[in-house]
């Protein structure tokens, strides 16, 4: 039997469904990056957050931190965390 999986149903390296890493967005504007992330994986909520801000340490398949500097530019690879 042949199984065809779409991008949303594939398991990523994180064990979550869909795309889980966006290295190509480093250097992009944070809000634009968040929009791209949610478009490419509608199962996640991309949250723009200023570098140095305290966050929870629990792992969730539906969350991506989009770390930005004071100019709103993405400073590290957004990943499911």
C-alpha atoms as a PDB file:
ATOM      1  CA  UNK A   1       0.000   0.000   0.000  1.00  0.00           C
ATOM      2  CA  UNK A   2       1.364   3.429  -0.976  1.00  0.00           C
ATOM      3  CA  UNK A   3       1.055   6.209   1.600  1.00  0.00           C
ATOM      4  CA  UNK A   4       1.365   9.820   0.498  1.00  0.00           C
ATOM      5  CA  UNK A   5       2.054  12.348   3.205  1.00  0.00           C
ATOM      6  CA  UNK A   6       1.692  16.071   2.840  1.00  0.00           C
ATOM      7  CA  UNK A   7       3.923  18.601   4.589  1.00  0.00           C
ATOM      8  CA  UNK A   8       1.518  18.952   7.520  1.00  0.00           C
ATOM      9  CA  UNK A   9       1.270  15.242   8.273  1.00  0.00           C
ATOM     10  CA  UNK A  10       5.000  14.414   8.158  1.00  0.00           C
ATOM     11  CA  UNK A  11       6.806  14.109  11.441  1.00  0.00           C
ATOM     12  CA  UNK A  12       9.773  16.436  11.792  1.00  0.00           C
ATOM     13  CA  UNK A  13      13.044  15.812  13.577  1.00  0.00           C
ATOM     14  CA  UNK A  14      11.468  17.320  16.723  1.00  0.00           C
ATOM     15  CA  UNK A  15       8.754  14.653  16.725  1.00  0.00           C
ATOM     16  CA  UNK A  16       6.140  17.281  15.855  1.00  0.00           C
ATOM     17  CA  UNK A  17       4.082  17.436  12.673  1.00  0.00           C
ATOM     18  CA  UNK A  18       5.178  19.688   9.824  1.00  0.00           C
ATOM     19  CA  UNK A  19       8.184  21.920   9.356  1.00  0.00           C
ATOM     20  CA  UNK A  20       9.992  22.635  12.631  1.00  0.00           C
ATOM     21  CA  UNK A  21      12.958  24.876  11.759  1.00  0.00           C
ATOM     22  CA  UNK A  22      13.364  28.068   9.712  1.00  0.00           C
ATOM     23  CA  UNK A  23      17.079  28.958   9.410  1.00  0.00           C
ATOM     24  CA  UNK A  24      16.368  30.980   6.283  1.00  0.00           C
ATOM     25  CA  UNK A  25      14.506  33.574   8.394  1.00  0.00           C
ATOM     26  CA  UNK A  26      17.525  34.744  10.397  1.00  0.00           C
ATOM     27  CA  UNK A  27      17.988  38.408   9.434  1.00  0.00           C
ATOM     28  CA  UNK A  28      14.324  38.868   8.427  1.00  0.00           C
ATOM     29  CA  UNK A  29      11.875  41.164  10.202  1.00  0.00           C
ATOM     30  CA  UNK A  30      10.246  39.349  13.129  1.00  0.00           C
ATOM     31  CA  UNK A  31       6.600  39.900  12.219  1.00  0.00           C
ATOM     32  CA  UNK A  32       7.178  38.826   8.610  1.00  0.00           C
ATOM     33  CA  UNK A  33       9.047  35.752   9.865  1.00  0.00           C
ATOM     34  CA  UNK A  34       6.152  34.839  12.171  1.00  0.00           C
ATOM     35  CA  UNK A  35       3.715  35.101   9.265  1.00  0.00           C
ATOM     36  CA  UNK A  36       5.918  32.849   7.120  1.00  0.00           C
ATOM     37  CA  UNK A  37       6.265  30.270   9.899  1.00  0.00           C
ATOM     38  CA  UNK A  38       2.513  30.070  10.501  1.00  0.00           C
ATOM     39  CA  UNK A  39       1.883  29.812   6.751  1.00  0.00           C
ATOM     40  CA  UNK A  40       4.417  27.003   6.315  1.00  0.00           C
ATOM     41  CA  UNK A  41       3.198  25.137   9.411  1.00  0.00           C
ATOM     42  CA  UNK A  42      -0.348  26.128  10.389  1.00  0.00           C
ATOM     43  CA  UNK A  43      -0.115  23.841  13.428  1.00  0.00           C
ATOM     44  CA  UNK A  44       2.160  26.320  15.252  1.00  0.00           C
ATOM     45  CA  UNK A  45       1.822  29.732  16.832  1.00  0.00           C
ATOM     46  CA  UNK A  46       4.875  31.904  16.100  1.00  0.00           C
ATOM     47  CA  UNK A  47       5.595  34.312  18.935  1.00  0.00           C
ATOM     48  CA  UNK A  48       7.896  37.285  18.340  1.00  0.00           C
ATOM     49  CA  UNK A  49      10.007  37.888  21.432  1.00  0.00           C
ATOM     50  CA  UNK A  50      12.843  40.262  22.281  1.00  0.00           C
ATOM     51  CA  UNK A  51      16.266  38.693  22.915  1.00  0.00           C
ATOM     52  CA  UNK A  52      16.878  38.305  26.648  1.00  0.00           C
ATOM     53  CA  UNK A  53      13.216  37.930  27.581  1.00  0.00           C
ATOM     54  CA  UNK A  54      12.515  35.098  30.043  1.00  0.00           C
ATOM     55  CA  UNK A  55      10.440  32.237  28.639  1.00  0.00           C
ATOM     56  CA  UNK A  56       8.944  29.006  29.864  1.00  0.00           C
ATOM     57  CA  UNK A  57      11.164  25.922  29.360  1.00  0.00           C
ATOM     58  CA  UNK A  58       8.430  23.395  28.567  1.00  0.00           C
ATOM     59  CA  UNK A  59       8.412  21.840  25.076  1.00  0.00           C
ATOM     60  CA  UNK A  60       5.325  22.341  22.909  1.00  0.00           C
ATOM     61  CA  UNK A  61       4.744  21.216  19.332  1.00  0.00           C
ATOM     62  CA  UNK A  62       2.526  24.248  18.709  1.00  0.00           C
ATOM     63  CA  UNK A  63       4.998  26.998  19.658  1.00  0.00           C
ATOM     64  CA  UNK A  64       7.864  28.735  17.857  1.00  0.00           C
ATOM     65  CA  UNK A  65       9.775  31.554  19.534  1.00  0.00           C
ATOM     66  CA  UNK A  66      10.895  34.164  16.975  1.00  0.00           C
ATOM     67  CA  UNK A  67      13.811  35.888  18.728  1.00  0.00           C
ATOM     68  CA  UNK A  68      14.425  39.466  17.593  1.00  0.00           C
ATOM     69  CA  UNK A  69      16.833  42.263  18.497  1.00  0.00           C
ATOM     70  CA  UNK A  70      15.830  45.833  19.394  1.00  0.00           C
ATOM     71  CA  UNK A  71      15.404  46.558  15.648  1.00  0.00           C
ATOM     72  CA  UNK A  72      12.900  43.705  15.247  1.00  0.00           C
ATOM     73  CA  UNK A  73      15.295  41.527  13.237  1.00  0.00           C
ATOM     74  CA  UNK A  74      15.381  37.742  13.777  1.00  0.00           C
ATOM     75  CA  UNK A  75      18.644  36.855  15.544  1.00  0.00           C
ATOM     76  CA  UNK A  76      18.506  33.055  15.699  1.00  0.00           C
ATOM     77  CA  UNK A  77      16.889  30.163  13.885  1.00  0.00           C
ATOM     78  CA  UNK A  78      13.214  29.892  14.813  1.00  0.00           C
ATOM     79  CA  UNK A  79      12.437  26.303  15.886  1.00  0.00           C
ATOM     80  CA  UNK A  80       9.561  24.493  17.548  1.00  0.00           C
ATOM     81  CA  UNK A  81      10.242  24.703  21.292  1.00  0.00           C
END
